[in-house]
Amino acid sequence: MTITENDRVSGLRVLEAEAVHIIREVVAELERPVLLFSGGKDSIVLLRLAEKAFRPHPLPFPILHVDTGHNFDEVIEFRDRRVAPTPDNPAGIKLLVASVPEAIESGRIAESDDPSGSRNRLQTRVLLDALEEHGFDAAFGGARRDEDRARAKERVFSFRDEFGQWDPRAQRAEPWSLYNGRIRRGESVRVFPLSNWTETDIWQYIALEDLDLPPIYFAAQRQVFDRDGILLAVSEYSQPGPGDQVSTESVRYRTVGDLTITGAVRSTASTIPEIIAEISAATVSERGETRADDRTSAAAMEDRKREGYF
């Protein structure tokens, strides 16, 4: 059976409707939700879905960026542009920034001893502190089940204890897409409206909605060096070592993160249709191919989630 363009669009609209329903359920059941926004493709799609859920009214919750200080400049520029006032939304979007550098400077957390310079694990403490400071009891995230085995264990409503920790054995059943948002004092919920989406779905929805993206998602000539099979950007935060060979190659990024551990992929895909064709033929997930922090062990993501990671 041949899948037609109408079939593809209809499938995306079903996923869209499911995500919008989840977002509205959270606002109806929980008191103080927030949307976690990285400036990456998944959080960009999530933000568009949240806007659709409440149009023509503005978002009834802020967005939160956990800033490691080791960001791609293009992503920060995009983030600030995305939340700025527009004719359709004169008030703009309320952005909260939880800063890892500020937490280090104030002595709340110690600088990472990771030899790669990554501050990725430091995000967890900063995120938990921000959720507690603002009293958020629900946090929307853009995680998808196809990203990692630990993601696949997670429910749409992922419950966290009073310490922000996740226990995969203590999650609630969600029969017939019924979600139970009741929590005790101190507990919270991470909510993943994109759980049932795939990377291809995300890109097809970006094309359907004509969403703007940071330019790092598109192939261009960039300076990179190979470290343990991952192409890292040459920057003030990630410098090649004595044996690392620097080259200028046509690359793009499949995912956004701390640039000290987020690798590029060799690519000539400079348009969304070309990217869709490229990932449709890919045999490795985006995190498996480009995230050094997920290669430390088979359970690296699950270990971080148990600590309170996104």
Protein backbone atom coordinates (compact mmCIF):
# COMPACT_ATOMS: atom_id res chain seq x y z
CA MET A 1 0.00 0.00 0.00
CA THR A 2 1.36 3.42 -0.96
CA ILE A 3 1.22 6.15 1.68
CA THR A 4 -0.13 9.32 0.09
CA GLU A 5 0.62 12.92 1.06
CA ASN A 6 -2.89 13.18 2.56
CA ASP A 7 -2.23 10.09 4.69
CA ARG A 8 1.01 11.60 5.97
CA VAL A 9 -0.63 14.92 6.85
CA SER A 10 -3.56 13.14 8.51
CA GLY A 11 -1.13 11.12 10.64
CA LEU A 12 0.65 14.30 11.75
CA ARG A 13 -2.65 15.94 12.64
CA VAL A 14 -3.55 12.93 14.80
CA LEU A 15 -0.25 13.29 16.67
CA GLU A 16 -0.86 17.03 16.95
CA ALA A 17 -4.34 16.51 18.41
CA GLU A 18 -2.99 14.00 20.95
CA ALA A 19 -0.26 16.42 22.06
CA VAL A 20 -2.67 19.37 22.32
CA HIS A 21 -5.00 17.21 24.45
CA ILE A 22 -2.13 16.30 26.79
CA ILE A 23 -1.06 19.93 27.17
CA ARG A 24 -4.61 21.03 28.00
CA GLU A 25 -5.00 18.17 30.49
CA VAL A 26 -1.92 19.33 32.38
CA VAL A 27 -3.16 22.92 32.59
CA ALA A 28 -6.53 21.64 33.82
CA GLU A 29 -5.08 19.27 36.47
CA LEU A 30 -1.87 20.92 37.71
CA GLU A 31 -1.39 24.35 39.25
CA ARG A 32 1.93 25.70 37.93
CA PRO A 33 3.24 24.14 34.70
CA VAL A 34 6.29 25.29 32.75
CA LEU A 35 7.65 24.32 29.32
CA LEU A 36 11.31 23.30 29.09
CA PHE A 37 12.81 24.97 26.02
CA SER A 38 16.27 24.27 24.63
CA GLY A 39 15.93 25.92 21.24
CA GLY A 40 16.16 22.47 19.65
CA LYS A 41 13.75 21.06 17.09
CA ASP A 42 11.67 19.05 19.57
CA SER A 43 11.12 21.95 21.95
CA ILE A 44 10.34 24.19 18.96
CA VAL A 45 7.59 21.79 17.88
CA LEU A 46 6.39 21.48 21.48
CA LEU A 47 6.13 25.26 21.82
CA ARG A 48 4.10 25.51 18.62
CA LEU A 49 1.73 22.81 19.90
CA ALA A 50 1.33 24.65 23.22
CA GLU A 51 0.49 27.86 21.37
CA LYS A 52 -2.10 25.98 19.31
CA ALA A 53 -3.63 24.52 22.47
CA PHE A 54 -4.62 27.95 23.77
CA ARG A 55 -5.04 30.18 20.73
CA PRO A 56 -6.05 32.98 20.47
CA HIS A 57 -4.97 33.44 24.09
CA PRO A 58 -1.29 33.67 25.08
CA LEU A 59 0.47 30.76 26.76
CA PRO A 60 -0.80 30.30 30.32
CA PHE A 61 2.69 29.31 31.50
CA PRO A 62 6.30 30.46 30.97
CA ILE A 63 9.11 28.61 29.22
CA LEU A 64 12.34 27.66 30.99
CA HIS A 65 15.80 27.30 29.46
CA VAL A 66 18.52 25.58 31.48
CA ASP A 67 21.62 27.36 30.19
CA THR A 68 24.95 25.51 30.54
CA GLY A 69 26.91 28.49 29.23
CA HIS A 70 28.35 26.18 26.55
CA ASN A 71 25.72 26.88 23.93
CA PHE A 72 25.77 27.26 20.19
CA ASP A 73 25.50 31.00 19.52
CA GLU A 74 22.92 30.36 16.81
CA VAL A 75 20.65 28.59 19.31
CA ILE A 76 20.71 31.42 21.86
CA GLU A 77 20.04 33.96 19.10
CA PHE A 78 17.10 31.84 17.93
CA ARG A 79 15.75 31.45 21.48
CA ASP A 80 15.69 35.19 22.08
CA ARG A 81 14.08 35.85 18.71
CA ARG A 82 11.43 33.17 19.29
CA VAL A 83 10.20 34.69 22.56
CA ALA A 84 10.26 38.31 21.37
CA PRO A 85 6.97 40.23 20.88
CA THR A 86 5.27 39.85 17.50
CA PRO A 87 2.17 41.43 15.91
CA ASP A 88 0.22 38.26 16.79
CA ASN A 89 1.62 38.17 20.34
CA PRO A 90 2.52 41.72 21.47
CA ALA A 91 3.48 40.53 24.96
CA GLY A 92 5.90 37.89 23.67
CA ILE A 93 6.57 34.69 25.60
CA LYS A 94 7.76 34.77 29.20
CA LEU A 95 11.25 33.24 29.28
CA LEU A 96 12.99 32.10 32.46
CA VAL A 97 16.68 31.20 32.29
CA ALA A 98 18.27 28.89 34.88
CA SER A 99 22.00 29.46 34.53
CA VAL A 100 24.64 26.84 35.24
CA PRO A 101 27.45 29.49 35.14
CA GLU A 102 25.62 31.58 37.75
CA ALA A 103 25.16 28.51 39.96
CA ILE A 104 28.89 27.77 39.73
CA GLU A 105 29.85 31.38 40.44
CA SER A 106 27.58 31.55 43.50
CA GLY A 107 29.00 28.29 44.87
CA ARG A 108 25.69 26.42 44.69
CA ILE A 109 27.34 23.75 42.54
CA ALA A 110 30.96 22.86 41.77
CA GLU A 111 32.43 23.11 38.28
CA SER A 112 32.40 19.80 36.46
CA ASP A 113 35.52 17.63 36.60
CA ASP A 114 34.55 16.04 33.27
CA PRO A 115 37.72 16.10 31.12
CA SER A 116 35.61 17.03 28.09
CA GLY A 117 34.52 20.23 29.83
CA SER A 118 30.86 19.19 29.66
CA ARG A 119 28.42 20.76 32.09
CA ASN A 120 25.62 18.45 31.04
CA ARG A 121 25.27 16.67 34.39
CA LEU A 122 25.28 20.03 36.18
CA GLN A 123 22.01 20.90 34.45
CA THR A 124 20.10 18.50 36.69
CA ARG A 125 20.74 20.36 39.95
CA VAL A 126 20.10 23.72 38.30
CA LEU A 127 16.83 22.48 36.81
CA LEU A 128 15.61 21.05 40.12
CA ASP A 129 16.48 24.30 41.91
CA ALA A 130 14.59 26.36 39.31
CA LEU A 131 11.50 24.15 39.54
CA GLU A 132 11.52 24.48 43.32
CA GLU A 133 12.21 28.23 43.30
CA HIS A 134 9.22 28.97 41.07
CA GLY A 135 6.95 26.31 42.55
CA PHE A 136 6.41 24.47 39.28
CA ASP A 137 4.56 21.18 39.72
CA ALA A 138 4.63 20.12 36.05
CA ALA A 139 7.29 20.54 33.39
CA PHE A 140 6.65 19.86 29.71
CA GLY A 141 9.59 18.28 27.88
CA GLY A 142 10.18 17.40 24.25
CA ALA A 143 11.51 13.88 24.81
CA ARG A 144 10.40 11.09 22.47
CA ARG A 145 10.37 7.35 23.12
CA ASP A 146 12.40 6.58 20.00
CA GLU A 147 15.43 8.52 21.30
CA ASP A 148 16.70 6.10 23.93
CA ARG A 149 15.72 2.96 25.86
CA ALA A 150 15.28 5.01 29.05
CA ARG A 151 12.90 7.35 27.23
CA ALA A 152 10.90 4.33 26.07
CA LYS A 153 10.32 3.29 29.70
CA GLU A 154 8.75 6.61 30.53
CA ARG A 155 5.03 7.38 30.59
CA VAL A 156 3.52 10.54 29.09
CA PHE A 157 2.99 11.72 32.70
CA SER A 158 6.32 10.88 34.35
CA PHE A 159 6.12 11.27 38.11
CA ARG A 160 9.02 12.53 40.22
CA ASP A 161 9.34 12.29 43.99
CA GLU A 162 9.97 15.17 46.40
CA PHE A 163 13.66 15.07 45.44
CA GLY A 164 12.90 15.31 41.71
CA GLN A 165 14.00 11.72 41.12
CA TRP A 166 12.46 9.21 38.73
CA ASP A 167 11.72 5.58 39.53
CA PRO A 168 10.67 3.63 36.41
CA ARG A 169 8.95 1.06 38.64
CA ALA A 170 6.70 3.67 40.26
CA GLN A 171 4.95 5.04 37.19
CA ARG A 172 1.19 5.02 36.65
CA ALA A 173 -0.72 3.16 33.97
CA GLU A 174 -2.24 5.31 31.22
CA PRO A 175 -5.04 3.18 29.72
CA TRP A 176 -6.98 4.69 26.81
CA SER A 177 -4.89 7.89 27.06
CA LEU A 178 -6.29 8.67 30.50
CA TYR A 179 -3.80 10.64 32.59
CA ASN A 180 -3.80 10.88 36.37
CA GLY A 181 -2.15 14.12 37.45
CA ARG A 182 -2.82 13.88 41.20
CA ILE A 183 0.34 14.49 43.20
CA ARG A 184 1.27 14.84 46.85
CA ARG A 185 3.00 17.88 48.28
CA GLY A 186 6.56 18.10 47.00
CA GLU A 187 6.02 15.74 44.06
CA SER A 188 6.00 16.88 40.45
CA VAL A 189 5.33 15.60 36.95
CA ARG A 190 7.40 15.71 33.79
CA VAL A 191 5.05 15.61 30.82
CA PHE A 192 6.07 14.43 27.34
CA PRO A 193 3.42 15.26 24.71
CA LEU A 194 5.79 14.13 21.92
CA SER A 195 6.32 10.64 23.35
CA ASN A 196 4.72 8.90 20.38
CA TRP A 197 6.46 11.01 17.73
CA THR A 198 9.54 9.94 15.78
CA GLU A 199 12.40 12.07 14.50
CA THR A 200 10.84 11.85 11.03
CA ASP A 201 7.47 13.00 12.41
CA ILE A 202 9.17 16.02 13.98
CA TRP A 203 10.77 17.05 10.70
CA GLN A 204 7.63 16.45 8.68
CA TYR A 205 5.66 18.59 11.14
CA ILE A 206 8.30 21.34 10.92
CA ALA A 207 7.80 21.27 7.13
CA LEU A 208 4.00 21.22 7.44
CA GLU A 209 3.93 24.18 9.84
CA ASP A 210 6.86 26.01 8.16
CA LEU A 211 8.61 26.43 11.51
CA ASP A 212 11.76 28.49 11.88
CA LEU A 213 14.89 26.71 13.16
CA PRO A 214 18.43 27.57 14.27
CA PRO A 215 20.79 27.33 11.26
CA ILE A 216 22.93 24.59 12.87
CA TYR A 217 20.31 22.06 11.73
CA PHE A 218 21.26 22.70 8.10
CA ALA A 219 24.46 21.57 6.40
CA ALA A 220 27.25 24.12 6.01
CA GLN A 221 31.03 24.21 5.98
CA ARG A 222 32.11 24.16 9.64
CA GLN A 223 35.38 23.59 11.51
CA VAL A 224 35.26 20.31 13.45
CA PHE A 225 37.58 17.76 15.01
CA ASP A 226 37.08 14.04 15.65
CA ARG A 227 37.07 12.89 19.27
CA ASP A 228 36.21 9.25 19.87
CA GLY A 229 34.20 9.09 16.67
CA ILE A 230 32.21 12.27 17.32
CA LEU A 231 32.70 15.43 15.27
CA LEU A 232 32.88 18.34 17.72
CA ALA A 233 32.81 22.02 16.83
CA VAL A 234 36.00 24.00 17.29
CA SER A 235 35.07 26.68 19.84
CA GLU A 236 36.32 28.39 22.97
CA TYR A 237 34.70 25.59 24.99
CA SER A 238 35.75 22.60 22.89
CA GLN A 239 39.34 22.66 21.72
CA PRO A 240 41.15 19.89 19.81
CA GLY A 241 43.80 18.01 21.77
CA PRO A 242 47.37 17.29 20.65
CA GLY A 243 46.33 14.32 18.51
CA ASP A 244 43.03 15.70 17.18
CA GLN A 245 42.90 16.63 13.52
CA VAL A 246 40.94 19.79 12.67
CA SER A 247 39.12 19.88 9.35
CA THR A 248 36.50 21.98 7.59
CA GLU A 249 33.62 19.80 6.45
CA SER A 250 30.02 20.00 5.32
CA VAL A 251 28.16 19.05 8.50
CA ARG A 252 24.93 19.69 10.35
CA TYR A 253 23.51 18.85 13.78
CA ARG A 254 20.69 16.41 14.46
CA THR A 255 20.22 17.53 18.05
CA VAL A 256 21.00 20.58 20.21
CA GLY A 257 22.91 20.42 23.48
CA ASP A 258 26.09 21.40 25.29
CA LEU A 259 28.49 21.96 22.39
CA THR A 260 31.33 20.20 24.23
CA ILE A 261 29.54 16.85 23.82
CA THR A 262 27.13 17.39 20.91
CA GLY A 263 28.53 16.10 17.66
CA ALA A 264 27.83 17.03 14.07
CA VAL A 265 27.09 14.61 11.26
CA ARG A 266 28.60 14.77 7.79
CA SER A 267 25.82 15.95 5.52
CA THR A 268 24.94 17.99 2.47
CA ALA A 269 21.28 18.38 3.50
CA SER A 270 20.57 22.09 3.45
CA THR A 271 16.77 21.96 3.08
CA ILE A 272 14.06 20.29 5.14
CA PRO A 273 13.08 17.80 2.37
CA GLU A 274 16.75 16.79 2.09
CA ILE A 275 16.97 16.32 5.87
CA ILE A 276 13.82 14.19 5.90
CA ALA A 277 15.27 11.98 3.16
CA GLU A 278 18.55 11.71 5.07
CA ILE A 279 17.07 10.70 8.44
CA SER A 280 14.62 8.31 6.78
CA ALA A 281 17.66 6.31 5.66
CA ALA A 282 19.54 6.63 8.99
CA THR A 283 20.13 3.48 11.03
CA VAL A 284 21.37 5.18 14.23
CA SER A 285 19.28 7.42 16.50
CA GLU A 286 20.23 11.07 16.77
CA ARG A 287 21.44 10.71 20.38
CA GLY A 288 23.31 7.51 19.62
CA GLU A 289 25.13 9.16 16.73
CA THR A 290 25.84 12.60 18.18
CA ARG A 291 25.77 12.69 22.00
CA ALA A 292 28.98 11.75 23.78
CA ASP A 293 27.27 11.73 27.20
CA ASP A 294 25.07 8.81 26.13
CA ARG A 295 28.10 6.65 25.28
CA THR A 296 29.51 6.46 28.80
CA SER A 297 27.42 3.35 29.53
CA ALA A 298 24.39 1.48 28.21
CA ALA A 299 22.31 3.02 31.01
CA ALA A 300 23.76 6.56 30.85
CA MET A 301 20.44 8.27 30.10
CA GLU A 302 18.53 6.23 32.69
CA ASP A 303 21.10 7.05 35.38
CA ARG A 304 20.72 10.77 34.69
CA LYS A 305 16.93 10.54 34.66
CA ARG A 306 16.92 8.84 38.04
CA GLU A 307 18.85 11.87 39.35
CA GLY A 308 16.24 14.29 38.01
CA TYR A 309 17.34 14.90 34.41
CA PHE A 310 14.77 16.03 31.83
